[in-house]
Amino acid sequence: MTTITMHPSELAYAFSYSETVDVVGWGRDPFLPTTEADGDPKTWYADGAARLSEAGRLVETPDKGLNFTDEVVSAVLTLADPALVLLAQRKEGDGLRRLTVHMAKDTVLGMTRHPDGMFELTRYADLTAATLACVGFLGAARSPVQAGTRIDSNQEALNAVHQLATKGQTDQAVASLVKLGASAQDAASIQRAMAEPATAGMLSILYCSDNVARTARPYSIMTTADDETWILFSPASLEGPMVIERSSVSALTARVLVEVATWLKISA
């Protein structure tokens, strides 16, 4: 696994040589000037070129002229036209932190943004390592799940439970979950995860073509202070039945990999 850090102007300049400046999971704004103080786009791109040259990522040779290094070319092509994107968004204060993983051919590239605006790009050995990084980023429970509890329901019923939990109506929320089939112990854990999660976020599997997310499979992830993780997802479609399932780093990673493997087999 290798990691590099890049200024948004570096990425903007590199993207200007591809057919798009949009990145699935990010759009284009994070790579462009944010204020008048940053200067006009020409100055922004010039700054990006200078930074790339200084970092040895834009190299000029007598025979080939000015070119990006293979590392930059591979990263840009993967970000600009992925077949698959994992979008992990973790709640942090009043905002969200984001980690994306883009896969194209044999390249699996992660990207996140630091508070100072710099982007961190990580090249993973494979999709398993990248999925583990996303699930860990979302704070899933570290202890393996021996026998994951699963509750089948629907969006309306689970929304009602969530409202009860977040409004402090603990007993009613627990009773509703028991009625849906949860044990009293599991219902109490789910209620805590909904009402006061230690970490919470969303992991979306985005299947892409032509740099557009065509199909999405989202998983809502909530982990309690006791390191118990519950995931909420629809096994069929966003309009279909909903499931609450006990999970963990290893269990959720396995679920995502099976989902992706099934999609790759179907789309092949």
Protein backbone atom coordinates (compact mmCIF):
# COMPACT_ATOMS: atom_id res chain seq x y z
CA MET A 1 0.00 0.00 0.00
CA THR A 2 1.46 3.36 -1.01
CA THR A 3 0.16 6.81 -0.06
CA ILE A 4 0.79 10.27 -1.49
CA THR A 5 -0.63 13.68 -0.64
CA MET A 6 -1.71 16.14 -3.33
CA HIS A 7 -2.99 19.70 -3.38
CA PRO A 8 -6.42 20.13 -5.04
CA SER A 9 -4.81 22.32 -7.72
CA GLU A 10 -2.51 19.43 -8.65
CA LEU A 11 -5.50 17.18 -9.17
CA ALA A 12 -7.37 19.91 -11.05
CA TYR A 13 -4.45 20.34 -13.45
CA ALA A 14 -4.16 16.58 -13.97
CA PHE A 15 -7.91 16.23 -14.50
CA SER A 16 -7.80 18.95 -17.16
CA TYR A 17 -6.05 16.42 -19.40
CA SER A 18 -8.80 13.85 -18.97
CA GLU A 19 -12.26 14.06 -20.50
CA THR A 20 -13.87 15.11 -17.22
CA VAL A 21 -13.15 17.07 -14.05
CA ASP A 22 -15.93 15.35 -12.12
CA VAL A 23 -15.05 12.57 -9.70
CA VAL A 24 -17.71 10.10 -8.56
CA GLY A 25 -18.36 10.67 -4.87
CA TRP A 26 -16.80 14.15 -4.96
CA GLY A 27 -18.07 16.12 -7.95
CA ARG A 28 -15.76 18.89 -9.14
CA ASP A 29 -15.94 21.69 -6.56
CA PRO A 30 -13.34 20.24 -4.13
CA PHE A 31 -10.68 20.52 -6.84
CA LEU A 32 -11.41 24.08 -7.95
CA PRO A 33 -10.67 27.48 -6.34
CA THR A 34 -12.97 28.08 -3.41
CA THR A 35 -12.53 31.84 -2.94
CA GLU A 36 -11.47 34.87 -4.94
CA ALA A 37 -8.26 34.84 -2.96
CA ASP A 38 -7.31 31.59 -4.67
CA GLY A 39 -7.16 33.44 -7.99
CA ASP A 40 -8.68 32.70 -11.34
CA PRO A 41 -8.68 29.17 -12.81
CA LYS A 42 -5.61 29.86 -14.97
CA THR A 43 -3.60 30.79 -11.90
CA TRP A 44 -4.99 27.76 -10.06
CA TYR A 45 -3.93 25.38 -12.83
CA ALA A 46 -0.52 27.04 -13.10
CA ASP A 47 -0.04 26.55 -9.37
CA GLY A 48 -1.04 22.90 -9.77
CA ALA A 49 1.49 22.39 -12.56
CA ALA A 50 4.22 24.02 -10.46
CA ARG A 51 3.40 21.82 -7.47
CA LEU A 52 3.39 18.70 -9.65
CA SER A 53 6.77 19.60 -11.12
CA GLU A 54 8.26 20.34 -7.71
CA ALA A 55 7.02 16.98 -6.40
CA GLY A 56 8.49 15.16 -9.42
CA ARG A 57 5.06 14.17 -10.72
CA LEU A 58 5.28 16.26 -13.90
CA VAL A 59 8.57 15.55 -15.63
CA GLU A 60 10.15 16.95 -18.80
CA THR A 61 12.59 14.92 -20.86
CA PRO A 62 14.31 15.83 -24.17
CA ASP A 63 12.74 12.95 -26.06
CA LYS A 64 9.19 12.95 -24.63
CA GLY A 65 8.68 16.53 -23.49
CA LEU A 66 6.51 17.31 -20.46
CA ASN A 67 4.58 14.32 -19.08
CA PHE A 68 2.93 13.07 -15.94
CA THR A 69 4.57 10.16 -14.14
CA ASP A 70 2.97 6.74 -14.51
CA GLU A 71 1.74 6.99 -10.91
CA VAL A 72 -0.22 10.18 -11.64
CA VAL A 73 -1.58 8.87 -14.97
CA SER A 74 -2.83 5.69 -13.29
CA ALA A 75 -4.47 7.66 -10.47
CA VAL A 76 -6.20 10.13 -12.81
CA LEU A 77 -7.52 7.41 -15.13
CA THR A 78 -8.90 5.47 -12.16
CA LEU A 79 -10.56 8.52 -10.60
CA ALA A 80 -11.94 9.73 -13.94
CA ASP A 81 -13.47 6.47 -15.14
CA PRO A 82 -14.02 3.86 -12.39
CA ALA A 83 -16.03 0.68 -12.73
CA LEU A 84 -16.73 0.63 -9.01
CA VAL A 85 -16.67 3.20 -6.22
CA LEU A 86 -17.03 2.61 -2.49
CA LEU A 87 -18.26 5.81 -0.84
CA ALA A 88 -17.80 5.88 2.94
CA GLN A 89 -19.26 8.88 4.77
CA ARG A 90 -18.81 9.15 8.53
CA LYS A 91 -20.68 11.62 10.73
CA GLU A 92 -18.27 13.95 12.50
CA GLY A 93 -19.74 16.77 14.53
CA ASP A 94 -22.18 18.63 12.33
CA GLY A 95 -20.53 17.44 9.13
CA LEU A 96 -19.25 14.38 7.30
CA ARG A 97 -15.83 12.93 6.61
CA ARG A 98 -15.47 11.07 3.35
CA LEU A 99 -13.36 8.23 2.05
CA THR A 100 -13.80 6.90 -1.47
CA VAL A 101 -12.28 3.87 -3.14
CA HIS A 102 -12.19 3.83 -6.93
CA MET A 103 -11.53 0.64 -8.86
CA ALA A 104 -10.63 0.47 -12.54
CA LYS A 105 -9.06 -2.65 -14.03
CA ASP A 106 -6.25 -3.69 -11.64
CA THR A 107 -6.02 -0.38 -9.79
CA VAL A 108 -7.74 0.18 -6.43
CA LEU A 109 -7.29 3.76 -5.28
CA GLY A 110 -8.56 5.37 -2.09
CA MET A 111 -8.99 9.11 -1.60
CA THR A 112 -9.82 11.26 1.40
CA ARG A 113 -9.38 14.94 2.26
CA HIS A 114 -7.60 16.34 5.28
CA PRO A 115 -8.85 19.38 7.23
CA ASP A 116 -6.13 21.49 5.58
CA GLY A 117 -7.64 20.76 2.15
CA MET A 118 -4.94 18.36 0.98
CA PHE A 119 -6.01 15.07 -0.63
CA GLU A 120 -4.54 11.77 0.46
CA LEU A 121 -4.41 9.11 -2.26
CA THR A 122 -3.75 5.50 -1.24
CA ARG A 123 -3.11 2.65 -3.62
CA TYR A 124 -4.41 -0.60 -2.09
CA ALA A 125 -3.17 -4.06 -2.91
CA ASP A 126 -6.69 -5.27 -3.66
CA LEU A 127 -10.38 -4.62 -3.04
CA THR A 128 -10.33 -6.59 0.21
CA ALA A 129 -7.75 -4.25 1.75
CA ALA A 130 -9.67 -1.21 0.48
CA THR A 131 -13.00 -2.47 1.85
CA LEU A 132 -11.41 -3.13 5.23
CA ALA A 133 -10.16 0.46 5.22
CA CYS A 134 -13.66 1.80 4.47
CA VAL A 135 -15.35 -0.33 7.13
CA GLY A 136 -12.70 0.61 9.69
CA PHE A 137 -13.10 4.27 8.74
CA LEU A 138 -16.81 3.97 9.57
CA GLY A 139 -16.05 2.58 13.02
CA ALA A 140 -17.54 -0.89 12.69
CA ALA A 141 -17.12 -3.26 15.63
CA ARG A 142 -13.74 -4.99 15.76
CA SER A 143 -14.94 -8.21 17.41
CA PRO A 144 -16.10 -10.80 14.85
CA VAL A 145 -19.80 -11.67 14.77
CA GLN A 146 -20.35 -15.34 15.53
CA ALA A 147 -24.06 -15.46 14.67
CA GLY A 148 -25.37 -12.20 13.35
CA THR A 149 -28.89 -11.30 14.40
CA ARG A 150 -31.10 -10.33 11.45
CA ILE A 151 -34.48 -8.59 11.54
CA ASP A 152 -36.54 -8.32 8.37
CA SER A 153 -38.89 -5.35 8.23
CA ASN A 154 -39.75 -2.41 5.99
CA GLN A 155 -38.75 1.23 5.68
CA GLU A 156 -41.90 2.58 7.33
CA ALA A 157 -41.58 0.43 10.44
CA LEU A 158 -37.88 1.12 10.88
CA ASN A 159 -38.36 4.85 10.39
CA ALA A 160 -40.95 4.76 13.17
CA VAL A 161 -38.53 2.93 15.48
CA HIS A 162 -35.76 5.40 14.64
CA GLN A 163 -38.01 8.34 15.52
CA LEU A 164 -38.90 6.77 18.86
CA ALA A 165 -35.24 6.09 19.63
CA THR A 166 -33.98 9.55 18.72
CA LYS A 167 -36.80 11.24 20.65
CA GLY A 168 -35.84 9.45 23.84
CA GLN A 169 -38.82 7.12 23.86
CA THR A 170 -36.60 4.18 24.78
CA ASP A 171 -39.17 1.72 26.06
CA GLN A 172 -41.44 2.22 23.05
CA ALA A 173 -38.52 1.80 20.64
CA VAL A 174 -37.38 -1.40 22.35
CA ALA A 175 -40.93 -2.78 22.43
CA SER A 176 -41.35 -2.06 18.70
CA LEU A 177 -38.11 -3.87 17.90
CA VAL A 178 -39.14 -6.87 20.00
CA LYS A 179 -42.43 -6.94 18.10
CA LEU A 180 -40.42 -7.03 14.85
CA GLY A 181 -38.60 -10.12 16.11
CA ALA A 182 -35.57 -8.89 18.05
CA SER A 183 -34.63 -10.32 21.43
CA ALA A 184 -34.89 -7.89 24.34
CA GLN A 185 -31.07 -7.68 24.53
CA ASP A 186 -30.66 -7.02 20.81
CA ALA A 187 -33.53 -4.53 20.80
CA ALA A 188 -31.84 -2.53 23.57
CA SER A 189 -28.57 -2.55 21.62
CA ILE A 190 -30.25 -1.41 18.40
CA GLN A 191 -32.05 1.36 20.29
CA ARG A 192 -28.70 2.61 21.68
CA ALA A 193 -27.15 2.48 18.22
CA MET A 194 -29.99 4.57 16.80
CA ALA A 195 -30.26 7.04 19.67
CA GLU A 196 -26.64 7.65 20.65
CA PRO A 197 -24.20 5.99 18.28
CA ALA A 198 -20.51 6.28 19.08
CA THR A 199 -19.92 6.30 15.33
CA ALA A 200 -22.36 6.34 12.44
CA GLY A 201 -22.21 6.66 8.71
CA MET A 202 -23.05 5.26 5.32
CA LEU A 203 -21.20 2.92 2.99
CA SER A 204 -22.48 2.99 -0.59
CA ILE A 205 -21.39 0.60 -3.31
CA LEU A 206 -21.63 2.52 -6.58
CA TYR A 207 -21.52 0.62 -9.86
CA CYS A 208 -20.30 2.99 -12.57
CA SER A 209 -19.91 3.40 -16.30
CA ASP A 210 -18.78 6.47 -18.27
CA ASN A 211 -17.87 8.12 -14.96
CA VAL A 212 -21.48 8.02 -13.72
CA ALA A 213 -22.86 5.97 -10.82
CA ARG A 214 -25.57 3.86 -12.47
CA THR A 215 -26.59 1.67 -9.52
CA ALA A 216 -26.12 2.13 -5.77
CA ARG A 217 -26.32 -0.25 -2.81
CA PRO A 218 -26.22 1.73 0.47
CA TYR A 219 -25.57 0.38 3.96
CA SER A 220 -26.31 2.51 7.03
CA ILE A 221 -23.85 1.67 9.82
CA MET A 222 -24.31 2.45 13.52
CA THR A 223 -21.92 1.41 16.30
CA THR A 224 -22.56 1.77 20.02
CA ALA A 225 -20.11 2.81 22.72
CA ASP A 226 -20.01 -0.92 23.64
CA ASP A 227 -18.55 -1.68 20.19
CA GLU A 228 -21.71 -3.29 18.83
CA THR A 229 -22.46 -2.57 15.18
CA TRP A 230 -25.82 -2.73 13.43
CA ILE A 231 -26.27 -2.22 9.70
CA LEU A 232 -29.46 -1.24 7.90
CA PHE A 233 -29.90 -2.09 4.23
CA SER A 234 -32.28 -3.26 1.57
CA PRO A 235 -31.35 -6.68 0.12
CA ALA A 236 -33.20 -6.01 -3.14
CA SER A 237 -33.82 -2.36 -3.92
CA LEU A 238 -34.32 0.94 -2.12
CA GLU A 239 -38.08 0.41 -2.43
CA GLY A 240 -37.99 -3.15 -1.14
CA PRO A 241 -37.93 -4.73 2.33
CA MET A 242 -35.37 -3.49 4.86
CA VAL A 243 -33.05 -5.47 7.11
CA ILE A 244 -31.31 -4.71 10.40
CA GLU A 245 -28.33 -6.99 10.94
CA ARG A 246 -25.65 -7.28 13.61
CA SER A 247 -22.27 -6.80 11.97
CA SER A 248 -18.55 -6.12 12.45
CA VAL A 249 -15.46 -5.17 10.45
CA SER A 250 -15.00 -8.72 9.15
CA ALA A 251 -18.71 -9.43 8.58
CA LEU A 252 -19.41 -6.21 6.70
CA THR A 253 -16.24 -6.56 4.62
CA ALA A 254 -17.30 -10.06 3.62
CA ARG A 255 -20.82 -8.87 2.76
CA VAL A 256 -19.48 -6.09 0.53
CA LEU A 257 -17.03 -8.40 -1.25
CA VAL A 258 -19.76 -10.97 -1.96
CA GLU A 259 -22.03 -8.21 -3.26
CA VAL A 260 -19.30 -6.88 -5.57
CA ALA A 261 -18.25 -10.35 -6.74
CA THR A 262 -21.86 -11.16 -7.63
CA TRP A 263 -22.18 -7.91 -9.58
CA LEU A 264 -18.91 -8.50 -11.43
CA LYS A 265 -20.05 -12.01 -12.40
CA ILE A 266 -23.42 -10.73 -13.63
CA SER A 267 -21.92 -7.83 -15.58
CA ALA A 268 -19.15 -9.91 -17.15
